[in-house]
PDB file of N, CA and C in Angstrom:
ATOM      1  N   UNK A   1     -98.910 151.782  24.505  1.00  0.00           N
ATOM      2  CA  UNK A   1     -98.388 150.812  25.302  1.00  0.00           C
ATOM      3  C   UNK A   1     -97.143 150.188  24.652  1.00  0.00           C
ATOM      4  N   UNK A   2     -96.115 149.874  25.449  1.00  0.00           N
ATOM      5  CA  UNK A   2     -94.873 149.274  24.842  1.00  0.00           C
ATOM      6  C   UNK A   2     -94.875 147.834  25.258  1.00  0.00           C
ATOM      7  N   UNK A   3     -94.280 147.047  24.396  1.00  0.00           N
ATOM      8  CA  UNK A   3     -93.910 145.764  24.595  1.00  0.00           C
ATOM      9  C   UNK A   3     -92.799 145.633  25.696  1.00  0.00           C
ATOM     10  N   UNK A   4     -93.019 144.697  26.623  1.00  0.00           N
ATOM     11  CA  UNK A   4     -91.984 144.443  27.448  1.00  0.00           C
ATOM     12  C   UNK A   4     -91.985 142.829  27.861  1.00  0.00           C
ATOM     13  N   UNK A   5     -91.089 142.396  28.701  1.00  0.00           N
ATOM     14  CA  UNK A   5     -91.016 141.010  29.052  1.00  0.00           C
ATOM     15  C   UNK A   5     -91.414 140.811  30.524  1.00  0.00           C
ATOM     16  N   UNK A   6     -92.208 139.917  30.862  1.00  0.00           N
ATOM     17  CA  UNK A   6     -92.418 139.468  32.244  1.00  0.00           C
ATOM     18  C   UNK A   6     -91.615 138.295  32.291  1.00  0.00           C
ATOM     19  N   UNK A   7     -90.724 138.316  33.335  1.00  0.00           N
ATOM     20  CA  UNK A   7     -89.686 137.300  33.618  1.00  0.00           C
ATOM     21  C   UNK A   7     -89.966 136.833  35.036  1.00  0.00           C
ATOM     22  N   UNK A   8     -89.943 135.533  35.137  1.00  0.00           N
ATOM     23  CA  UNK A   8     -90.032 134.917  36.494  1.00  0.00           C
ATOM     24  C   UNK A   8     -89.311 133.726  36.730  1.00  0.00           C
ATOM     25  N   UNK A   9     -88.890 133.465  37.926  1.00  0.00           N
ATOM     26  CA  UNK A   9     -88.036 132.327  38.253  1.00  0.00           C
ATOM     27  C   UNK A   9     -88.747 131.474  39.418  1.00  0.00           C
ATOM     28  N   UNK A  10     -88.741 130.141  39.162  1.00  0.00           N
ATOM     29  CA  UNK A  10     -89.213 129.250  40.213  1.00  0.00           C
ATOM     30  C   UNK A  10     -88.122 129.006  41.132  1.00  0.00           C
ATOM     31  N   UNK A  11     -87.814 130.002  41.941  1.00  0.00           N
ATOM     32  CA  UNK A  11     -86.645 130.039  42.943  1.00  0.00           C
ATOM     33  C   UNK A  11     -86.506 128.762  43.849  1.00  0.00           C
ATOM     34  N   UNK A  12     -87.686 128.193  44.183  1.00  0.00           N
ATOM     35  CA  UNK A  12     -87.665 126.997  45.085  1.00  0.00           C
ATOM     36  C   UNK A  12     -87.081 125.780  44.304  1.00  0.00           C
ATOM     37  N   UNK A  13     -86.971 125.836  42.985  1.00  0.00           N
ATOM     38  CA  UNK A  13     -86.368 124.832  42.262  1.00  0.00           C
ATOM     39  C   UNK A  13     -84.919 125.104  41.793  1.00  0.00           C
ATOM     40  N   UNK A  14     -84.388 126.325  42.042  1.00  0.00           N
ATOM     41  CA  UNK A  14     -83.134 126.804  41.633  1.00  0.00           C
ATOM     42  C   UNK A  14     -82.048 125.883  42.249  1.00  0.00           C
ATOM     43  N   UNK A  15     -81.091 125.519  41.341  1.00  0.00           N
ATOM     44  CA  UNK A  15     -79.903 124.730  41.889  1.00  0.00           C
ATOM     45  C   UNK A  15     -78.616 125.628  41.961  1.00  0.00           C
ATOM     46  N   UNK A  16     -78.738 126.861  41.873  1.00  0.00           N
ATOM     47  CA  UNK A  16     -77.697 127.956  42.035  1.00  0.00           C
ATOM     48  C   UNK A  16     -76.461 127.683  41.194  1.00  0.00           C
ATOM     49  N   UNK A  17     -76.612 127.267  39.920  1.00  0.00           N
ATOM     50  CA  UNK A  17     -75.503 127.046  39.141  1.00  0.00           C
ATOM     51  C   UNK A  17     -74.941 128.306  38.463  1.00  0.00           C
ATOM     52  N   UNK A  18     -75.689 129.482  38.594  1.00  0.00           N
ATOM     53  CA  UNK A  18     -75.243 130.772  38.127  1.00  0.00           C
ATOM     54  C   UNK A  18     -75.253 130.982  36.668  1.00  0.00           C
ATOM     55  N   UNK A  19     -75.656 130.112  35.868  1.00  0.00           N
ATOM     56  CA  UNK A  19     -75.670 130.236  34.405  1.00  0.00           C
ATOM     57  C   UNK A  19     -76.466 131.465  34.007  1.00  0.00           C
ATOM     58  N   UNK A  20     -77.570 131.685  34.513  1.00  0.00           N
ATOM     59  CA  UNK A  20     -78.415 132.870  34.209  1.00  0.00           C
ATOM     60  C   UNK A  20     -77.669 134.149  34.506  1.00  0.00           C
ATOM     61  N   UNK A  21     -77.198 134.295  35.575  1.00  0.00           N
ATOM     62  CA  UNK A  21     -76.382 135.498  35.896  1.00  0.00           C
ATOM     63  C   UNK A  21     -75.146 135.708  35.023  1.00  0.00           C
ATOM     64  N   UNK A  22     -74.543 134.642  34.654  1.00  0.00           N
ATOM     65  CA  UNK A  22     -73.350 134.774  33.854  1.00  0.00           C
ATOM     66  C   UNK A  22     -73.710 135.190  32.346  1.00  0.00           C
ATOM     67  N   UNK A  23     -74.908 134.640  31.832  1.00  0.00           N
ATOM     68  CA  UNK A  23     -75.221 134.956  30.524  1.00  0.00           C
ATOM     69  C   UNK A  23     -76.004 136.256  30.402  1.00  0.00           C
ATOM     70  N   UNK A  24     -76.740 136.660  31.386  1.00  0.00           N
ATOM     71  CA  UNK A  24     -77.573 137.858  31.402  1.00  0.00           C
ATOM     72  C   UNK A  24     -77.476 138.640  32.619  1.00  0.00           C
ATOM     73  N   UNK A  25     -76.396 139.230  33.012  1.00  0.00           N
ATOM     74  CA  UNK A  25     -76.212 139.832  34.334  1.00  0.00           C
ATOM     75  C   UNK A  25     -77.015 141.236  34.335  1.00  0.00           C
ATOM     76  N   UNK A  26     -77.517 141.574  33.194  1.00  0.00           N
ATOM     77  CA  UNK A  26     -78.449 142.827  33.164  1.00  0.00           C
ATOM     78  C   UNK A  26     -79.706 142.536  33.902  1.00  0.00           C
ATOM     79  N   UNK A  27     -80.143 141.223  33.882  1.00  0.00           N
ATOM     80  CA  UNK A  27     -81.433 140.803  34.405  1.00  0.00           C
ATOM     81  C   UNK A  27     -81.318 139.902  35.612  1.00  0.00           C
ATOM     82  N   UNK A  28     -80.341 139.051  35.721  1.00  0.00           N
ATOM     83  CA  UNK A  28     -80.253 137.995  36.663  1.00  0.00           C
ATOM     84  C   UNK A  28     -79.079 138.282  37.617  1.00  0.00           C
ATOM     85  N   UNK A  29     -79.184 138.057  38.937  1.00  0.00           N
ATOM     86  CA  UNK A  29     -78.012 137.999  39.792  1.00  0.00           C
ATOM     87  C   UNK A  29     -78.276 136.860  40.787  1.00  0.00           C
ATOM     88  N   UNK A  30     -77.325 136.642  41.637  1.00  0.00           N
ATOM     89  CA  UNK A  30     -77.432 135.650  42.699  1.00  0.00           C
ATOM     90  C   UNK A  30     -77.778 136.370  44.022  1.00  0.00           C
ATOM     91  N   UNK A  31     -78.744 135.990  44.616  1.00  0.00           N
ATOM     92  CA  UNK A  31     -79.292 136.738  45.786  1.00  0.00           C
ATOM     93  C   UNK A  31     -78.490 136.204  46.963  1.00  0.00           C
ATOM     94  N   UNK A  32     -78.572 136.945  48.147  1.00  0.00           N
ATOM     95  CA  UNK A  32     -77.913 136.534  49.348  1.00  0.00           C
ATOM     96  C   UNK A  32     -78.036 135.014  49.785  1.00  0.00           C
ATOM     97  N   UNK A  33     -79.240 134.521  49.369  1.00  0.00           N
ATOM     98  CA  UNK A  33     -79.433 133.182  49.804  1.00  0.00           C
ATOM     99  C   UNK A  33     -78.813 132.138  48.766  1.00  0.00           C
ATOM    100  N   UNK A  34     -78.146 132.673  47.761  1.00  0.00           N
ATOM    101  CA  UNK A  34     -77.359 131.957  46.766  1.00  0.00           C
ATOM    102  C   UNK A  34     -78.236 131.463  45.559  1.00  0.00           C
ATOM    103  N   UNK A  35     -79.430 131.866  45.603  1.00  0.00           N
ATOM    104  CA  UNK A  35     -80.388 131.495  44.423  1.00  0.00           C
ATOM    105  C   UNK A  35     -80.492 132.651  43.424  1.00  0.00           C
ATOM    106  N   UNK A  36     -80.921 132.336  42.241  1.00  0.00           N
ATOM    107  CA  UNK A  36     -81.047 133.259  41.149  1.00  0.00           C
ATOM    108  C   UNK A  36     -82.245 134.164  41.523  1.00  0.00           C
ATOM    109  N   UNK A  37     -82.012 135.418  41.156  1.00  0.00           N
ATOM    110  CA  UNK A  37     -83.099 136.516  41.380  1.00  0.00           C
ATOM    111  C   UNK A  37     -83.072 137.489  40.241  1.00  0.00           C
ATOM    112  N   UNK A  38     -84.102 138.247  40.111  1.00  0.00           N
ATOM    113  CA  UNK A  38     -84.132 139.397  39.165  1.00  0.00           C
ATOM    114  C   UNK A  38     -83.471 140.513  39.889  1.00  0.00           C
ATOM    115  N   UNK A  39     -82.609 141.287  39.017  1.00  0.00           N
ATOM    116  CA  UNK A  39     -81.926 142.488  39.560  1.00  0.00           C
ATOM    117  C   UNK A  39     -82.941 143.429  40.048  1.00  0.00           C
ATOM    118  N   UNK A  40     -82.668 144.192  41.084  1.00  0.00           N
ATOM    119  CA  UNK A  40     -83.554 145.074  41.728  1.00  0.00           C
ATOM    120  C   UNK A  40     -84.258 146.119  40.781  1.00  0.00           C
ATOM    121  N   UNK A  41     -83.507 146.591  39.782  1.00  0.00           N
ATOM    122  CA  UNK A  41     -84.065 147.576  38.816  1.00  0.00           C
ATOM    123  C   UNK A  41     -85.276 147.072  38.079  1.00  0.00           C
ATOM    124  N   UNK A  42     -85.419 145.775  37.879  1.00  0.00           N
ATOM    125  CA  UNK A  42     -86.495 145.334  37.099  1.00  0.00           C
ATOM    126  C   UNK A  42     -87.534 144.540  37.876  1.00  0.00           C
ATOM    127  N   UNK A  43     -87.437 144.464  39.231  1.00  0.00           N
ATOM    128  CA  UNK A  43     -88.373 143.694  40.018  1.00  0.00           C
ATOM    129  C   UNK A  43     -89.775 144.521  39.983  1.00  0.00           C
ATOM    130  N   UNK A  44     -90.928 143.735  39.842  1.00  0.00           N
ATOM    131  CA  UNK A  44     -92.167 144.403  39.964  1.00  0.00           C
ATOM    132  C   UNK A  44     -92.474 144.864  41.445  1.00  0.00           C
ATOM    133  N   UNK A  45     -92.064 143.984  42.357  1.00  0.00           N
ATOM    134  CA  UNK A  45     -92.182 144.364  43.754  1.00  0.00           C
ATOM    135  C   UNK A  45     -90.798 144.335  44.358  1.00  0.00           C
ATOM    136  N   UNK A  46     -90.367 145.267  45.090  1.00  0.00           N
ATOM    137  CA  UNK A  46     -88.911 145.226  45.529  1.00  0.00           C
ATOM    138  C   UNK A  46     -88.682 143.975  46.450  1.00  0.00           C
ATOM    139  N   UNK A  47     -89.776 143.479  47.053  1.00  0.00           N
ATOM    140  CA  UNK A  47     -89.553 142.249  47.952  1.00  0.00           C
ATOM    141  C   UNK A  47     -89.729 140.981  47.314  1.00  0.00           C
ATOM    142  N   UNK A  48     -90.050 140.992  46.039  1.00  0.00           N
ATOM    143  CA  UNK A  48     -90.194 139.718  45.284  1.00  0.00           C
ATOM    144  C   UNK A  48     -89.009 139.523  44.373  1.00  0.00           C
ATOM    145  N   UNK A  49     -88.130 138.667  44.734  1.00  0.00           N
ATOM    146  CA  UNK A  49     -86.887 138.514  44.002  1.00  0.00           C
ATOM    147  C   UNK A  49     -87.169 137.589  42.711  1.00  0.00           C
ATOM    148  N   UNK A  50     -88.377 137.113  42.599  1.00  0.00           N
ATOM    149  CA  UNK A  50     -88.558 136.085  41.564  1.00  0.00           C
ATOM    150  C   UNK A  50     -89.238 136.600  40.291  1.00  0.00           C
ATOM    151  N   UNK A  51     -89.693 137.819  40.258  1.00  0.00           N
ATOM    152  CA  UNK A  51     -90.522 138.273  39.212  1.00  0.00           C
ATOM    153  C   UNK A  51     -90.065 139.699  38.793  1.00  0.00           C
ATOM    154  N   UNK A  52     -89.953 140.013  37.432  1.00  0.00           N
ATOM    155  CA  UNK A  52     -89.691 141.370  37.013  1.00  0.00           C
ATOM    156  C   UNK A  52     -90.216 141.634  35.661  1.00  0.00           C
ATOM    157  N   UNK A  53     -90.253 142.951  35.356  1.00  0.00           N
ATOM    158  CA  UNK A  53     -90.729 143.445  34.077  1.00  0.00           C
ATOM    159  C   UNK A  53     -89.487 143.983  33.441  1.00  0.00           C
ATOM    160  N   UNK A  54     -89.054 143.492  32.195  1.00  0.00           N
ATOM    161  CA  UNK A  54     -87.775 143.759  31.491  1.00  0.00           C
ATOM    162  C   UNK A  54     -88.035 144.425  30.210  1.00  0.00           C
ATOM    163  N   UNK A  55     -87.206 145.323  29.773  1.00  0.00           N
ATOM    164  CA  UNK A  55     -87.346 146.003  28.479  1.00  0.00           C
ATOM    165  C   UNK A  55     -87.224 144.993  27.374  1.00  0.00           C
ATOM    166  N   UNK A  56     -87.991 145.026  26.302  1.00  0.00           N
ATOM    167  CA  UNK A  56     -87.965 144.084  25.280  1.00  0.00           C
ATOM    168  C   UNK A  56     -86.633 144.009  24.590  1.00  0.00           C
ATOM    169  N   UNK A  57     -85.876 145.089  24.603  1.00  0.00           N
ATOM    170  CA  UNK A  57     -84.482 145.040  24.117  1.00  0.00           C
ATOM    171  C   UNK A  57     -83.479 143.979  24.678  1.00  0.00           C
ATOM    172  N   UNK A  58     -83.950 143.520  25.903  1.00  0.00           N
ATOM    173  CA  UNK A  58     -83.165 142.484  26.591  1.00  0.00           C
ATOM    174  C   UNK A  58     -83.691 140.981  26.276  1.00  0.00           C
ATOM    175  N   UNK A  59     -84.616 140.909  25.344  1.00  0.00           N
ATOM    176  CA  UNK A  59     -85.284 139.596  25.011  1.00  0.00           C
ATOM    177  C   UNK A  59     -84.170 138.491  24.673  1.00  0.00           C
ATOM    178  N   UNK A  60     -83.144 138.922  23.780  1.00  0.00           N
ATOM    179  CA  UNK A  60     -82.280 137.780  23.430  1.00  0.00           C
ATOM    180  C   UNK A  60     -81.387 137.389  24.668  1.00  0.00           C
ATOM    181  N   UNK A  61     -81.041 138.315  25.405  1.00  0.00           N
ATOM    182  CA  UNK A  61     -80.314 137.943  26.632  1.00  0.00           C
ATOM    183  C   UNK A  61     -81.079 136.981  27.648  1.00  0.00           C
ATOM    184  N   UNK A  62     -82.304 137.393  27.890  1.00  0.00           N
ATOM    185  CA  UNK A  62     -83.246 136.592  28.746  1.00  0.00           C
ATOM    186  C   UNK A  62     -83.415 135.329  28.116  1.00  0.00           C
ATOM    187  N   UNK A  63     -83.652 135.241  26.820  1.00  0.00           N
ATOM    188  CA  UNK A  63     -83.925 134.009  26.082  1.00  0.00           C
ATOM    189  C   UNK A  63     -82.761 132.982  26.330  1.00  0.00           C
ATOM    190  N   UNK A  64     -81.615 133.496  26.180  1.00  0.00           N
ATOM    191  CA  UNK A  64     -80.321 132.649  26.453  1.00  0.00           C
ATOM    192  C   UNK A  64     -80.431 132.013  27.823  1.00  0.00           C
ATOM    193  N   UNK A  65     -80.745 132.826  28.740  1.00  0.00           N
ATOM    194  CA  UNK A  65     -80.695 132.312  30.126  1.00  0.00           C
ATOM    195  C   UNK A  65     -81.881 131.322  30.359  1.00  0.00           C
ATOM    196  N   UNK A  66     -83.071 131.597  29.716  1.00  0.00           N
ATOM    197  CA  UNK A  66     -84.189 130.641  29.651  1.00  0.00           C
ATOM    198  C   UNK A  66     -83.781 129.306  29.158  1.00  0.00           C
ATOM    199  N   UNK A  67     -83.138 129.312  28.000  1.00  0.00           N
ATOM    200  CA  UNK A  67     -82.776 128.138  27.237  1.00  0.00           C
ATOM    201  C   UNK A  67     -81.540 127.334  27.957  1.00  0.00           C
ATOM    202  N   UNK A  68     -80.681 128.199  28.607  1.00  0.00           N
ATOM    203  CA  UNK A  68     -79.585 127.446  29.284  1.00  0.00           C
ATOM    204  C   UNK A  68     -79.793 126.936  30.647  1.00  0.00           C
ATOM    205  N   UNK A  69     -80.814 127.376  31.237  1.00  0.00           N
ATOM    206  CA  UNK A  69     -80.979 127.011  32.647  1.00  0.00           C
ATOM    207  C   UNK A  69     -81.206 125.385  32.654  1.00  0.00           C
ATOM    208  N   UNK A  70     -80.346 124.699  33.461  1.00  0.00           N
ATOM    209  CA  UNK A  70     -80.318 123.209  33.352  1.00  0.00           C
ATOM    210  C   UNK A  70     -81.638 122.699  34.003  1.00  0.00           C
ATOM    211  N   UNK A  71     -82.279 123.405  34.843  1.00  0.00           N
ATOM    212  CA  UNK A  71     -83.493 122.848  35.541  1.00  0.00           C
ATOM    213  C   UNK A  71     -84.830 123.570  34.997  1.00  0.00           C
ATOM    214  N   UNK A  72     -84.637 124.435  33.947  1.00  0.00           N
ATOM    215  CA  UNK A  72     -85.731 125.024  33.160  1.00  0.00           C
ATOM    216  C   UNK A  72     -86.724 125.703  34.132  1.00  0.00           C
ATOM    217  N   UNK A  73     -86.236 126.599  35.066  1.00  0.00           N
ATOM    218  CA  UNK A  73     -87.095 127.197  35.907  1.00  0.00           C
ATOM    219  C   UNK A  73     -87.168 128.816  35.669  1.00  0.00           C
ATOM    220  N   UNK A  74     -86.621 129.259  34.552  1.00  0.00           N
ATOM    221  CA  UNK A  74     -86.804 130.643  34.183  1.00  0.00           C
ATOM    222  C   UNK A  74     -87.825 130.707  33.036  1.00  0.00           C
ATOM    223  N   UNK A  75     -88.655 131.706  33.163  1.00  0.00           N
ATOM    224  CA  UNK A  75     -89.722 131.802  32.221  1.00  0.00           C
ATOM    225  C   UNK A  75     -89.910 133.366  31.790  1.00  0.00           C
ATOM    226  N   UNK A  76     -90.278 133.482  30.525  1.00  0.00           N
ATOM    227  CA  UNK A  76     -90.651 134.758  30.111  1.00  0.00           C
ATOM    228  C   UNK A  76     -91.773 134.844  29.204  1.00  0.00           C
ATOM    229  N   UNK A  77     -92.545 135.926  29.142  1.00  0.00           N
ATOM    230  CA  UNK A  77     -93.552 136.196  28.163  1.00  0.00           C
ATOM    231  C   UNK A  77     -93.716 137.630  27.787  1.00  0.00           C
ATOM    232  N   UNK A  78     -94.020 137.911  26.544  1.00  0.00           N
ATOM    233  CA  UNK A  78     -94.117 139.266  26.121  1.00  0.00           C
ATOM    234  C   UNK A  78     -95.456 139.896  26.690  1.00  0.00           C
ATOM    235  N   UNK A  79     -95.458 141.110  27.126  1.00  0.00           N
ATOM    236  CA  UNK A  79     -96.613 141.726  27.663  1.00  0.00           C
ATOM    237  C   UNK A  79     -96.751 143.165  27.005  1.00  0.00           C
ATOM    238  N   UNK A  80     -97.827 143.776  27.180  1.00  0.00           N
ATOM    239  CA  UNK A  80     -98.016 145.186  26.798  1.00  0.00           C
ATOM    240  C   UNK A  80     -98.133 146.004  28.144  1.00  0.00           C
ATOM    241  N   UNK A  81     -97.361 146.965  28.264  1.00  0.00           N
ATOM    242  CA  UNK A  81     -97.332 147.697  29.524  1.00  0.00           C
ATOM    243  C   UNK A  81     -97.278 149.180  29.231  1.00  0.00           C
TER     244      UNK A  81
END
């Protein structure tokens, strides 16, 4: 089993400032509704824009987005998958 990151966004609280997408475009993008979402490549469910499983190698990038989000709605946890 390899370590990965579970990343999720409380999209209903997103203020669409785009900091996450600017800091970590490998993982975050702005969806058609203008809110932050996980890029399609890493979504657990293609229809769920708010949650994904990300390679551990992107931890620093994701952590920057988590720490920089002005409304603190991005979360991550290490998992074994």
